Amino acid sequence: MPFPPDNPPHVFSILTGREVSTWSEEWKHECEVRYRANMSLAQRNEALDGVKDGMRGVRQIRGDAAVAQLRAEIDRYAALKARP
């Protein structure tokens, strides 16, 4: 795994409400949440819950609690994005 640069770029995180490093776990999480928030509901449900064409969903890999947390974060992200 590559090491972060000495001075990694920072970006504003909607979920944390502050600047974070693009190499941080916070940013990694936000990128996943943003990606899933931009999926259609059917695609999101399939990715989180189900198996299609032999592909496991997040539930089979990370478990029920992780899926519940992701769903809550997706809803929170959408609400924060909708704010004026």
C-alpha atoms as a PDB file:
ATOM      1  CA  MET A   1       0.000   0.000   0.000  1.00  0.00           C
ATOM      2  CA  PRO A   2       1.467   3.369  -0.933  1.00  0.00           C
ATOM      3  CA  PHE A   3       2.247   5.891   1.747  1.00  0.00           C
ATOM      4  CA  PRO A   4       0.436   9.233   1.784  1.00  0.00           C
ATOM      5  CA  PRO A   5       2.394  12.190   0.479  1.00  0.00           C
ATOM      6  CA  ASP A   6       3.997  14.527   3.011  1.00  0.00           C
ATOM      7  CA  ASN A   7       1.292  17.124   2.437  1.00  0.00           C
ATOM      8  CA  PRO A   8      -1.809  15.292   1.122  1.00  0.00           C
ATOM      9  CA  PRO A   9      -4.593  17.372  -0.421  1.00  0.00           C
ATOM     10  CA  HIS A  10      -7.553  18.299   1.744  1.00  0.00           C
ATOM     11  CA  VAL A  11     -11.180  18.669   0.687  1.00  0.00           C
ATOM     12  CA  PHE A  12     -14.386  19.659   2.425  1.00  0.00           C
ATOM     13  CA  SER A  13     -16.311  16.671   3.744  1.00  0.00           C
ATOM     14  CA  ILE A  14     -20.083  17.067   3.871  1.00  0.00           C
ATOM     15  CA  LEU A  15     -20.413  14.272   6.434  1.00  0.00           C
ATOM     16  CA  THR A  16     -17.819  15.624   8.868  1.00  0.00           C
ATOM     17  CA  GLY A  17     -18.458  19.306   8.162  1.00  0.00           C
ATOM     18  CA  ARG A  18     -14.753  20.102   7.878  1.00  0.00           C
ATOM     19  CA  GLU A  19     -11.684  19.720   5.696  1.00  0.00           C
ATOM     20  CA  VAL A  20     -10.239  16.203   5.617  1.00  0.00           C
ATOM     21  CA  SER A  21      -7.273  14.613   3.913  1.00  0.00           C
ATOM     22  CA  THR A  22      -8.030  12.788   0.690  1.00  0.00           C
ATOM     23  CA  TRP A  23      -5.990   9.949   2.194  1.00  0.00           C
ATOM     24  CA  SER A  24      -8.146   9.675   5.347  1.00  0.00           C
ATOM     25  CA  GLU A  25     -10.655   6.996   6.326  1.00  0.00           C
ATOM     26  CA  GLU A  26     -13.247   9.785   6.660  1.00  0.00           C
ATOM     27  CA  TRP A  27     -12.838  10.680   2.994  1.00  0.00           C
ATOM     28  CA  LYS A  28     -12.836   7.019   1.943  1.00  0.00           C
ATOM     29  CA  HIS A  29     -16.139   6.568   3.793  1.00  0.00           C
ATOM     30  CA  GLU A  30     -17.644   9.717   2.275  1.00  0.00           C
ATOM     31  CA  CYS A  31     -16.679   8.587  -1.218  1.00  0.00           C
ATOM     32  CA  GLU A  32     -18.455   5.260  -0.666  1.00  0.00           C
ATOM     33  CA  VAL A  33     -21.547   6.971   0.755  1.00  0.00           C
ATOM     34  CA  ARG A  34     -21.635   9.515  -2.098  1.00  0.00           C
ATOM     35  CA  TYR A  35     -21.253   6.746  -4.696  1.00  0.00           C
ATOM     36  CA  ARG A  36     -24.102   4.730  -3.223  1.00  0.00           C
ATOM     37  CA  ALA A  37     -26.290   7.824  -2.743  1.00  0.00           C
ATOM     38  CA  ASN A  38     -26.015   8.473  -6.480  1.00  0.00           C
ATOM     39  CA  MET A  39     -27.260   4.976  -7.356  1.00  0.00           C
ATOM     40  CA  SER A  40     -30.914   4.376  -8.101  1.00  0.00           C
ATOM     41  CA  LEU A  41     -32.782   2.867  -5.155  1.00  0.00           C
ATOM     42  CA  ALA A  42     -32.991  -0.505  -6.954  1.00  0.00           C
ATOM     43  CA  GLN A  43     -29.240  -0.509  -7.655  1.00  0.00           C
ATOM     44  CA  ARG A  44     -28.477   0.524  -4.074  1.00  0.00           C
ATOM     45  CA  ASN A  45     -30.674  -2.202  -2.599  1.00  0.00           C
ATOM     46  CA  GLU A  46     -29.063  -4.767  -4.867  1.00  0.00           C
ATOM     47  CA  ALA A  47     -25.548  -3.619  -3.918  1.00  0.00           C
ATOM     48  CA  LEU A  48     -26.320  -3.561  -0.201  1.00  0.00           C
ATOM     49  CA  ASP A  49     -28.667  -6.513   0.209  1.00  0.00           C
ATOM     50  CA  GLY A  50     -28.591  -8.945  -2.596  1.00  0.00           C
ATOM     51  CA  VAL A  51     -26.746 -11.328  -4.751  1.00  0.00           C
ATOM     52  CA  LYS A  52     -27.023 -10.921  -8.492  1.00  0.00           C
ATOM     53  CA  ASP A  53     -25.079 -12.814 -11.113  1.00  0.00           C
ATOM     54  CA  GLY A  54     -23.005 -14.445  -8.380  1.00  0.00           C
ATOM     55  CA  MET A  55     -21.926 -11.126  -6.844  1.00  0.00           C
ATOM     56  CA  ARG A  56     -22.299 -10.791  -3.084  1.00  0.00           C
ATOM     57  CA  GLY A  57     -23.755  -7.640  -1.570  1.00  0.00           C
ATOM     58  CA  VAL A  58     -22.356  -5.576   1.284  1.00  0.00           C
ATOM     59  CA  ARG A  59     -24.586  -7.488   3.724  1.00  0.00           C
ATOM     60  CA  GLN A  60     -22.869 -10.798   2.914  1.00  0.00           C
ATOM     61  CA  ILE A  61     -19.411  -9.228   3.208  1.00  0.00           C
ATOM     62  CA  ARG A  62     -19.734  -6.774   6.141  1.00  0.00           C
ATOM     63  CA  GLY A  63     -22.942  -7.858   7.878  1.00  0.00           C
ATOM     64  CA  ASP A  64     -26.319  -6.389   8.831  1.00  0.00           C
ATOM     65  CA  ALA A  65     -24.987  -3.675  11.135  1.00  0.00           C
ATOM     66  CA  ALA A  66     -22.712  -2.256   8.417  1.00  0.00           C
ATOM     67  CA  VAL A  67     -25.603  -2.118   5.941  1.00  0.00           C
ATOM     68  CA  ALA A  68     -27.835  -0.362   8.487  1.00  0.00           C
ATOM     69  CA  GLN A  69     -25.073   2.171   9.178  1.00  0.00           C
ATOM     70  CA  LEU A  70     -24.473   2.749   5.461  1.00  0.00           C
ATOM     71  CA  ARG A  71     -28.189   3.298   4.842  1.00  0.00           C
ATOM     72  CA  ALA A  72     -28.312   5.840   7.675  1.00  0.00           C
ATOM     73  CA  GLU A  73     -25.226   7.636   6.353  1.00  0.00           C
ATOM     74  CA  ILE A  74     -26.662   7.700   2.814  1.00  0.00           C
ATOM     75  CA  ASP A  75     -29.862   9.281   4.143  1.00  0.00           C
ATOM     76  CA  ARG A  76     -27.861  11.794   6.209  1.00  0.00           C
ATOM     77  CA  TYR A  77     -25.654  12.642   3.213  1.00  0.00           C
ATOM     78  CA  ALA A  78     -28.726  13.222   1.014  1.00  0.00           C
ATOM     79  CA  ALA A  79     -30.293  15.474   3.652  1.00  0.00           C
ATOM     80  CA  LEU A  80     -27.082  17.494   4.027  1.00  0.00           C
ATOM     81  CA  LYS A  81     -26.744  17.843   0.251  1.00  0.00           C
ATOM     82  CA  ALA A  82     -30.355  19.097   0.018  1.00  0.00           C
ATOM     83  CA  ARG A  83     -29.714  21.954   2.464  1.00  0.00           C
ATOM     84  CA  PRO A  84     -29.502  25.409   0.906  1.00  0.00           C
END
